[in-house]
Amino acid sequence: MLNGTIIVILISLAAGTAIRAWAFAIFAIVVSLGFGVVAHQSASLLEAALYGLGILVLMQACYVTGVFAAGLWRRSRKPSKESAMADPAPVPGKQRQG
């Protein structure tokens, strides 16, 4: 189960940079239900439900971390010289009249 948890963490972090929240929510629910079913084969139903809920919470936390990290990375990149403005336009009310 540890290998599966590590894979879920990595996929959730990557998904935070690439897909929308509603798509990830559907994906996370399906994956956590799958982990709950697998855990139910060797444990009670309550333990399996708690394990599935724990996986869901872990996936959501990793997704939010991925979204946050991707946002920081995008903001930290320097704008290219092509997209940068050379000189800002003068404000009409602030011009000096001579």
Protein backbone atom coordinates (compact mmCIF):
# COMPACT_ATOMS: atom_id res chain seq x y z
CA MET A 1 0.00 0.00 0.00
CA LEU A 2 2.93 2.35 0.55
CA ASN A 3 3.90 2.20 -3.12
CA GLY A 4 0.33 3.01 -4.12
CA THR A 5 0.25 5.94 -1.70
CA ILE A 6 3.49 7.36 -3.09
CA ILE A 7 2.13 7.06 -6.63
CA VAL A 8 -1.09 8.79 -5.58
CA ILE A 9 0.91 11.65 -4.05
CA LEU A 10 3.00 12.12 -7.19
CA ILE A 11 -0.02 11.99 -9.50
CA SER A 12 -1.90 14.46 -7.32
CA LEU A 13 1.01 16.91 -7.32
CA ALA A 14 1.30 16.64 -11.11
CA ALA A 15 -2.45 17.02 -11.52
CA GLY A 16 -2.34 20.24 -9.53
CA THR A 17 -0.26 21.79 -12.28
CA ALA A 18 -2.31 20.51 -15.19
CA ILE A 19 -6.03 19.87 -14.66
CA ARG A 20 -9.07 21.68 -13.32
CA ALA A 21 -10.38 21.16 -9.81
CA TRP A 22 -13.67 19.52 -10.83
CA ALA A 23 -11.85 16.97 -13.00
CA PHE A 24 -9.45 16.17 -10.20
CA ALA A 25 -12.30 15.85 -7.70
CA ILE A 26 -13.94 13.16 -9.84
CA PHE A 27 -10.61 11.39 -10.32
CA ALA A 28 -9.81 11.54 -6.59
CA ILE A 29 -13.18 10.09 -5.57
CA VAL A 30 -12.80 7.19 -8.00
CA VAL A 31 -9.25 6.46 -6.86
CA SER A 32 -10.11 6.64 -3.15
CA LEU A 33 -13.08 4.33 -3.67
CA GLY A 34 -10.77 1.92 -5.47
CA PHE A 35 -8.28 2.00 -2.61
CA GLY A 36 -11.16 1.47 -0.17
CA VAL A 37 -12.34 -1.60 -2.08
CA VAL A 38 -8.82 -3.03 -2.14
CA ALA A 39 -8.42 -2.36 1.59
CA HIS A 40 -11.82 -3.94 2.31
CA GLN A 41 -10.56 -7.31 1.11
CA SER A 42 -8.24 -7.58 4.10
CA ALA A 43 -9.98 -5.37 6.69
CA SER A 44 -13.40 -4.47 8.01
CA LEU A 45 -15.71 -2.13 6.14
CA LEU A 46 -15.12 0.71 8.61
CA GLU A 47 -11.34 0.42 8.31
CA ALA A 48 -11.61 0.33 4.52
CA ALA A 49 -13.85 3.43 4.51
CA LEU A 50 -11.45 5.31 6.78
CA TYR A 51 -8.50 4.29 4.61
CA GLY A 52 -10.31 5.48 1.46
CA LEU A 53 -11.19 8.77 3.18
CA GLY A 54 -7.55 9.19 4.25
CA ILE A 55 -6.39 8.65 0.65
CA LEU A 56 -8.96 11.21 -0.53
CA VAL A 57 -7.75 13.81 1.98
CA LEU A 58 -4.12 13.10 1.04
CA MET A 59 -4.92 13.49 -2.66
CA GLN A 60 -6.73 16.79 -2.11
CA ALA A 61 -3.88 18.18 0.01
CA CYS A 62 -1.31 17.20 -2.62
CA TYR A 63 -3.48 18.70 -5.38
CA VAL A 64 -3.70 22.03 -3.56
CA THR A 65 0.06 21.93 -2.98
CA GLY A 66 0.60 21.33 -6.69
CA VAL A 67 -1.69 24.21 -7.64
CA PHE A 68 0.10 26.51 -5.20
CA ALA A 69 3.57 25.47 -6.43
CA ALA A 70 2.57 25.89 -10.08
CA GLY A 71 1.20 29.36 -9.34
CA LEU A 72 4.40 30.38 -7.60
CA TRP A 73 6.47 29.03 -10.48
CA ARG A 74 4.40 30.90 -13.07
CA ARG A 75 4.64 34.16 -11.15
CA SER A 76 8.36 33.83 -10.56
CA ARG A 77 9.22 33.50 -14.24
CA LYS A 78 10.51 36.69 -15.72
CA PRO A 79 8.42 38.07 -18.58
CA SER A 80 9.98 37.81 -21.99
CA LYS A 81 11.26 40.93 -23.69
CA GLU A 82 8.71 40.53 -26.48
CA SER A 83 5.76 40.71 -24.10
CA ALA A 84 7.16 43.51 -21.94
CA MET A 85 5.99 47.06 -22.55
CA ALA A 86 8.73 49.48 -23.57
CA ASP A 87 7.20 52.66 -22.17
CA PRO A 88 3.88 53.05 -20.42
CA ALA A 89 1.38 55.38 -22.04
CA PRO A 90 1.23 58.85 -20.50
CA VAL A 91 -1.76 59.63 -18.31
CA PRO A 92 -3.71 62.57 -19.86
CA GLY A 93 -4.45 64.43 -16.63
CA LYS A 94 -0.88 64.25 -15.34
CA GLN A 95 0.91 65.91 -18.27
CA ARG A 96 2.75 69.16 -17.70
CA GLN A 97 1.65 72.05 -19.80
CA GLY A 98 4.35 74.44 -20.80
